Amino acid sequence: MFLKTFLALVLTASIGMPAMAIDLAPLWDFNQPELSEQRFQNAMLGATTDDQLILKTQIARTHGLRRDFAKAQDILRSMEAQITKASAEVRVRHALEWGRTLASATHGATPPNAAALDGARTAYMKAYSLAKAEQLDTLAIDALHMLAFVDTAPADQLKWGQEALAVALASRQSAARKWEASLRNNIGMALHQLGRFEEALTEFKQAVVLREATGNAQSIRVAHWMVAWTLRALQRVDEALAKQLWLERECAAAGAPDHYVYEELEHLYRIKGDTHKAEHYAQLKTTPAK
């Protein structure tokens, strides 16, 4: 759970940015792409031409989430004749979704080939350039954060994360500012991978503050886990242990025990030389959740 949630999902636009044609947030359920597709299809009825094109890009994305990248690309190709005269938002979203068919988290552990990576980079840079020029800050941030799936070296991911954060912090658009917590998490992860643990801890702590302001319990737990994980890397074992034990209680109270918490507790107790407790958590982390 915890290590899989540090990369941001697309956030929707809101008041303060150039007019966005349609609010997609109520239509999306990223855990149920089939349901989302049906909602997008229903929304096509009576929609303006631009709205219909935007909805088609999202329908393509639902197929990408189901790993049917060929179908997603077919939908996007079918739009090519229309998008040249469409709004900037349509063109940005089309480029974003084309890039996602080539390189994204949905592709899993199998890395795309060089041609796919080059195509994705071109698509994401096209989306970013146009979004920046048109002050579509939310989509500009989305494009920058997607480049981390193309340039996967931690130093490159740090660069893209920092560029995206700069856009978010400079933006007066609330939807763009909402990216800050996720971007700080991404930056912290890249710093952690580079062995820059103190800097990573600073980013993760800022992400905790931002997450707590949202009131989303799961996101708050994830943010605290990242802090505790980094405390262990800094050999601040007692602090890390106290926080992971707190997370264990929080997860239990939410009815959502997490094996990443158990895994960290196992590591921490082994460091402290408490084999009995370490084995206890080693067993828990392999026990299927009920």
Protein backbone atom coordinates (compact mmCIF):
# COMPACT_ATOMS: atom_id res chain seq x y z
CA MET A 1 0.00 0.00 0.00
CA PHE A 2 2.46 2.62 1.20
CA LEU A 3 5.19 2.35 -1.44
CA LYS A 4 2.63 2.19 -4.25
CA THR A 5 0.87 5.41 -3.42
CA PHE A 6 3.64 8.00 -3.56
CA LEU A 7 3.12 8.72 -7.24
CA ALA A 8 0.36 11.19 -7.88
CA LEU A 9 -2.87 10.62 -9.80
CA VAL A 10 -4.35 13.26 -12.04
CA LEU A 11 -6.13 16.00 -10.14
CA THR A 12 -8.97 17.90 -11.73
CA ALA A 13 -9.21 21.60 -12.47
CA SER A 14 -11.06 24.12 -10.38
CA ILE A 15 -11.87 27.81 -9.99
CA GLY A 16 -9.07 30.20 -10.85
CA MET A 17 -7.72 28.55 -13.96
CA PRO A 18 -8.56 29.11 -17.62
CA ALA A 19 -12.00 27.71 -18.34
CA MET A 20 -11.93 23.93 -18.33
CA ALA A 21 -14.62 22.43 -20.47
CA ILE A 22 -15.93 19.72 -18.17
CA ASP A 23 -15.42 18.56 -14.59
CA LEU A 24 -14.13 15.00 -14.86
CA ALA A 25 -13.62 14.32 -11.16
CA PRO A 26 -17.20 13.13 -10.40
CA LEU A 27 -17.02 10.72 -13.32
CA TRP A 28 -13.76 9.05 -12.39
CA ASP A 29 -13.35 5.99 -10.21
CA PHE A 30 -9.79 4.85 -10.86
CA ASN A 31 -10.45 1.56 -9.08
CA GLN A 32 -13.33 0.80 -11.46
CA PRO A 33 -12.31 1.83 -14.99
CA GLU A 34 -15.29 0.00 -16.53
CA LEU A 35 -17.70 2.06 -14.44
CA SER A 36 -15.81 5.22 -15.30
CA GLU A 37 -16.02 4.40 -18.99
CA GLN A 38 -19.78 4.03 -18.75
CA ARG A 39 -20.05 7.39 -17.00
CA PHE A 40 -17.98 9.04 -19.72
CA GLN A 41 -20.13 7.44 -22.41
CA ASN A 42 -23.27 8.71 -20.71
CA ALA A 43 -21.81 12.21 -20.40
CA MET A 44 -21.24 12.30 -24.17
CA LEU A 45 -24.96 12.76 -24.70
CA GLY A 46 -25.67 16.43 -25.28
CA ALA A 47 -22.06 17.45 -24.65
CA THR A 48 -20.29 20.08 -26.73
CA THR A 49 -17.78 18.95 -29.34
CA ASP A 50 -14.85 19.85 -27.11
CA ASP A 51 -16.39 18.06 -24.15
CA GLN A 52 -16.95 14.97 -26.26
CA LEU A 53 -13.31 14.95 -27.31
CA ILE A 54 -12.16 15.36 -23.71
CA LEU A 55 -14.42 12.51 -22.66
CA LYS A 56 -12.95 10.33 -25.41
CA THR A 57 -9.46 10.90 -24.04
CA GLN A 58 -10.68 9.68 -20.67
CA ILE A 59 -12.38 6.66 -22.20
CA ALA A 60 -9.02 5.85 -23.77
CA ARG A 61 -7.45 6.15 -20.34
CA THR A 62 -9.91 3.66 -18.86
CA HIS A 63 -8.65 1.12 -21.40
CA GLY A 64 -5.06 1.93 -20.48
CA LEU A 65 -5.87 1.28 -16.82
CA ARG A 66 -7.11 -2.13 -17.95
CA ARG A 67 -3.80 -2.60 -19.80
CA ASP A 68 -5.56 -2.62 -23.17
CA PHE A 69 -3.15 -0.10 -24.63
CA ALA A 70 -3.97 -1.01 -28.22
CA LYS A 71 -7.63 -0.11 -27.71
CA ALA A 72 -6.63 3.13 -26.00
CA GLN A 73 -4.42 4.05 -28.92
CA ASP A 74 -7.17 3.21 -31.43
CA ILE A 75 -9.50 5.67 -29.68
CA LEU A 76 -6.85 8.38 -29.61
CA ARG A 77 -5.96 7.85 -33.27
CA SER A 78 -9.61 8.18 -34.22
CA MET A 79 -9.55 11.72 -32.79
CA GLU A 80 -6.52 13.00 -34.68
CA ALA A 81 -8.42 14.70 -37.49
CA GLN A 82 -10.58 16.59 -34.99
CA ILE A 83 -8.06 17.75 -32.41
CA THR A 84 -6.22 20.13 -34.72
CA LYS A 85 -9.18 22.52 -34.46
CA ALA A 86 -10.05 21.69 -30.87
CA SER A 87 -9.26 23.60 -27.68
CA ALA A 88 -5.86 23.56 -26.00
CA GLU A 89 -7.27 21.36 -23.23
CA VAL A 90 -8.30 18.72 -25.75
CA ARG A 91 -4.87 18.74 -27.35
CA VAL A 92 -3.09 18.57 -24.00
CA ARG A 93 -5.23 15.70 -22.78
CA HIS A 94 -4.80 13.84 -26.07
CA ALA A 95 -1.01 14.08 -25.78
CA LEU A 96 -1.09 13.07 -22.12
CA GLU A 97 -3.16 9.99 -22.78
CA TRP A 98 -1.04 9.00 -25.77
CA GLY A 99 2.01 9.16 -23.54
CA ARG A 100 0.28 7.05 -20.90
CA THR A 101 -0.33 4.29 -23.44
CA LEU A 102 3.46 4.10 -23.90
CA ALA A 103 4.87 4.58 -20.40
CA SER A 104 2.98 4.77 -17.10
CA ALA A 105 2.56 3.02 -13.77
CA THR A 106 0.02 0.71 -15.40
CA HIS A 107 2.75 -0.86 -17.51
CA GLY A 108 4.02 -2.56 -14.36
CA ALA A 109 7.50 -3.91 -13.80
CA THR A 110 8.19 -4.58 -17.48
CA PRO A 111 9.97 -1.49 -18.79
CA PRO A 112 8.82 -0.09 -22.15
CA ASN A 113 11.32 -0.36 -25.00
CA ALA A 114 13.41 2.58 -26.15
CA ALA A 115 11.00 3.54 -28.93
CA ALA A 116 8.06 3.59 -26.52
CA LEU A 117 10.00 5.70 -24.03
CA ASP A 118 10.98 8.17 -26.74
CA GLY A 119 7.36 8.38 -27.90
CA ALA A 120 6.11 8.90 -24.36
CA ARG A 121 8.70 11.60 -23.67
CA THR A 122 7.71 13.43 -26.84
CA ALA A 123 4.02 13.23 -25.93
CA TYR A 124 4.52 14.40 -22.35
CA MET A 125 6.76 17.28 -23.38
CA LYS A 126 4.21 18.33 -26.00
CA ALA A 127 1.48 18.24 -23.35
CA TYR A 128 3.61 20.22 -20.90
CA SER A 129 4.63 22.90 -23.38
CA LEU A 130 1.08 23.52 -24.53
CA ALA A 131 -0.39 23.39 -21.02
CA LYS A 132 2.23 25.85 -19.77
CA ALA A 133 1.58 28.22 -22.66
CA GLU A 134 -2.17 28.09 -22.05
CA GLN A 135 -1.87 28.35 -18.24
CA LEU A 136 -3.44 24.94 -17.72
CA ASP A 137 -1.32 24.43 -14.62
CA THR A 138 -2.93 21.22 -13.41
CA LEU A 139 -2.31 19.50 -16.73
CA ALA A 140 1.21 20.93 -16.93
CA ILE A 141 2.00 19.35 -13.56
CA ASP A 142 0.45 16.08 -14.67
CA ALA A 143 2.70 16.00 -17.74
CA LEU A 144 5.83 16.74 -15.70
CA HIS A 145 5.02 14.08 -13.13
CA MET A 146 4.44 11.53 -15.91
CA LEU A 147 7.98 12.15 -17.20
CA ALA A 148 9.19 10.32 -14.09
CA PHE A 149 7.85 7.14 -15.69
CA VAL A 150 10.06 7.78 -18.71
CA ASP A 151 13.22 8.98 -16.98
CA THR A 152 13.31 6.56 -14.08
CA ALA A 153 16.76 7.30 -12.65
CA PRO A 154 16.27 8.91 -9.21
CA ALA A 155 18.16 12.05 -10.25
CA ASP A 156 15.84 12.51 -13.22
CA GLN A 157 12.76 11.81 -11.13
CA LEU A 158 13.98 14.42 -8.65
CA LYS A 159 14.38 16.95 -11.46
CA TRP A 160 10.88 16.39 -12.85
CA GLY A 161 9.38 16.41 -9.37
CA GLN A 162 11.04 19.69 -8.50
CA GLU A 163 9.93 21.27 -11.77
CA ALA A 164 6.37 20.14 -11.16
CA LEU A 165 6.46 21.45 -7.59
CA ALA A 166 7.67 24.83 -8.82
CA VAL A 167 4.64 25.04 -11.12
CA ALA A 168 2.31 24.05 -8.29
CA LEU A 169 3.72 26.57 -5.82
CA ALA A 170 3.65 29.40 -8.36
CA SER A 171 0.09 28.64 -9.45
CA ARG A 172 -2.95 30.57 -8.25
CA GLN A 173 -5.14 27.65 -9.31
CA SER A 174 -6.38 25.57 -6.40
CA ALA A 175 -6.37 22.29 -8.29
CA ALA A 176 -2.73 22.80 -9.19
CA ARG A 177 -1.83 23.57 -5.56
CA LYS A 178 -3.47 20.32 -4.49
CA TRP A 179 -0.60 18.47 -6.19
CA GLU A 180 1.88 19.73 -3.59
CA ALA A 181 1.60 16.85 -1.13
CA SER A 182 1.97 14.18 -3.81
CA LEU A 183 4.86 16.01 -5.44
CA ARG A 184 6.70 16.40 -2.14
CA ASN A 185 6.19 12.69 -1.60
CA ASN A 186 7.66 11.95 -5.04
CA ILE A 187 10.60 14.28 -4.41
CA GLY A 188 11.19 12.68 -1.03
CA MET A 189 11.21 9.25 -2.60
CA ALA A 190 13.78 10.29 -5.20
CA LEU A 191 15.96 11.88 -2.51
CA HIS A 192 15.67 8.73 -0.41
CA GLN A 193 16.81 6.61 -3.35
CA LEU A 194 19.76 8.96 -3.80
CA GLY A 195 20.73 8.46 -0.16
CA ARG A 196 19.90 12.08 0.72
CA PHE A 197 17.88 11.03 3.74
CA GLU A 198 17.77 14.31 5.68
CA GLU A 199 16.43 16.14 2.63
CA ALA A 200 13.95 13.33 2.03
CA LEU A 201 12.75 13.58 5.62
CA THR A 202 12.10 17.30 5.20
CA GLU A 203 9.93 16.66 2.14
CA PHE A 204 8.04 13.81 3.78
CA LYS A 205 7.33 15.88 6.89
CA GLN A 206 5.93 18.68 4.75
CA ALA A 207 3.77 16.11 2.97
CA VAL A 208 2.41 14.98 6.36
CA VAL A 209 1.28 18.52 7.17
CA LEU A 210 -0.41 18.86 3.79
CA ARG A 211 -2.10 15.47 4.03
CA GLU A 212 -3.37 16.16 7.53
CA ALA A 213 -5.03 19.30 6.23
CA THR A 214 -7.10 17.19 3.83
CA GLY A 215 -8.45 14.86 6.52
CA ASN A 216 -7.98 11.79 4.31
CA ALA A 217 -6.99 9.12 6.83
CA GLN A 218 -5.36 6.73 4.37
CA SER A 219 -3.24 9.46 2.80
CA ILE A 220 -2.23 10.65 6.25
CA ARG A 221 -1.10 7.15 7.21
CA VAL A 222 0.92 6.84 4.00
CA ALA A 223 2.63 10.16 4.67
CA HIS A 224 3.56 9.14 8.22
CA TRP A 225 4.88 5.80 6.96
CA MET A 226 7.25 7.58 4.59
CA VAL A 227 8.57 9.64 7.50
CA ALA A 228 9.09 6.54 9.64
CA TRP A 229 10.76 4.68 6.79
CA THR A 230 13.24 7.52 6.38
CA LEU A 231 13.88 7.72 10.12
CA ARG A 232 15.03 4.10 9.95
CA ALA A 233 17.35 4.99 7.07
CA LEU A 234 18.78 7.74 9.30
CA GLN A 235 19.28 5.14 12.08
CA ARG A 236 16.83 6.98 14.32
CA VAL A 237 15.44 3.62 15.27
CA ASP A 238 13.44 4.49 18.38
CA GLU A 239 11.62 7.33 16.61
CA ALA A 240 10.90 5.10 13.63
CA LEU A 241 9.65 2.32 15.90
CA ALA A 242 7.30 4.60 17.82
CA LYS A 243 5.78 5.90 14.61
CA GLN A 244 5.37 2.44 13.05
CA LEU A 245 3.71 1.14 16.20
CA TRP A 246 1.36 4.12 16.07
CA LEU A 247 0.64 3.28 12.42
CA GLU A 248 -0.06 -0.33 13.37
CA ARG A 249 -2.70 0.89 15.83
CA GLU A 250 -4.16 3.35 13.33
CA CYS A 251 -4.39 0.71 10.61
CA ALA A 252 -6.01 -1.75 13.00
CA ALA A 253 -8.57 0.83 14.09
CA ALA A 254 -9.38 1.52 10.43
CA GLY A 255 -9.75 -2.20 9.72
CA ALA A 256 -6.89 -1.95 7.23
CA PRO A 257 -3.80 -3.74 8.55
CA ASP A 258 -0.87 -3.18 6.22
CA HIS A 259 2.00 -5.54 5.58
CA TYR A 260 4.39 -2.67 4.84
CA VAL A 261 3.98 -1.54 8.44
CA TYR A 262 4.64 -5.08 9.64
CA GLU A 263 7.68 -5.30 7.39
CA GLU A 264 9.14 -2.13 8.86
CA LEU A 265 8.44 -3.34 12.39
CA GLU A 266 10.24 -6.57 11.59
CA HIS A 267 13.29 -4.61 10.36
CA LEU A 268 13.26 -2.33 13.37
CA TYR A 269 13.04 -5.11 15.93
CA ARG A 270 15.85 -6.99 14.20
CA ILE A 271 17.99 -3.87 14.47
CA LYS A 272 17.16 -3.73 18.19
CA GLY A 273 18.02 -7.40 18.59
CA ASP A 274 14.49 -8.45 19.58
CA THR A 275 14.20 -11.64 17.52
CA HIS A 276 10.92 -12.70 19.08
CA LYS A 277 9.08 -9.55 18.06
CA ALA A 278 10.81 -9.49 14.69
CA GLU A 279 9.56 -12.99 13.93
CA HIS A 280 6.08 -12.00 15.10
CA TYR A 281 5.91 -9.22 12.53
CA ALA A 282 7.58 -11.38 9.87
CA GLN A 283 4.66 -13.77 10.29
CA LEU A 284 2.07 -11.00 10.25
CA LYS A 285 3.40 -9.48 7.04
CA THR A 286 2.83 -12.76 5.20
CA THR A 287 -0.63 -13.41 6.64
CA PRO A 288 -3.37 -12.59 4.11
CA ALA A 289 -5.69 -9.81 5.22
CA LYS A 290 -9.14 -10.99 6.24
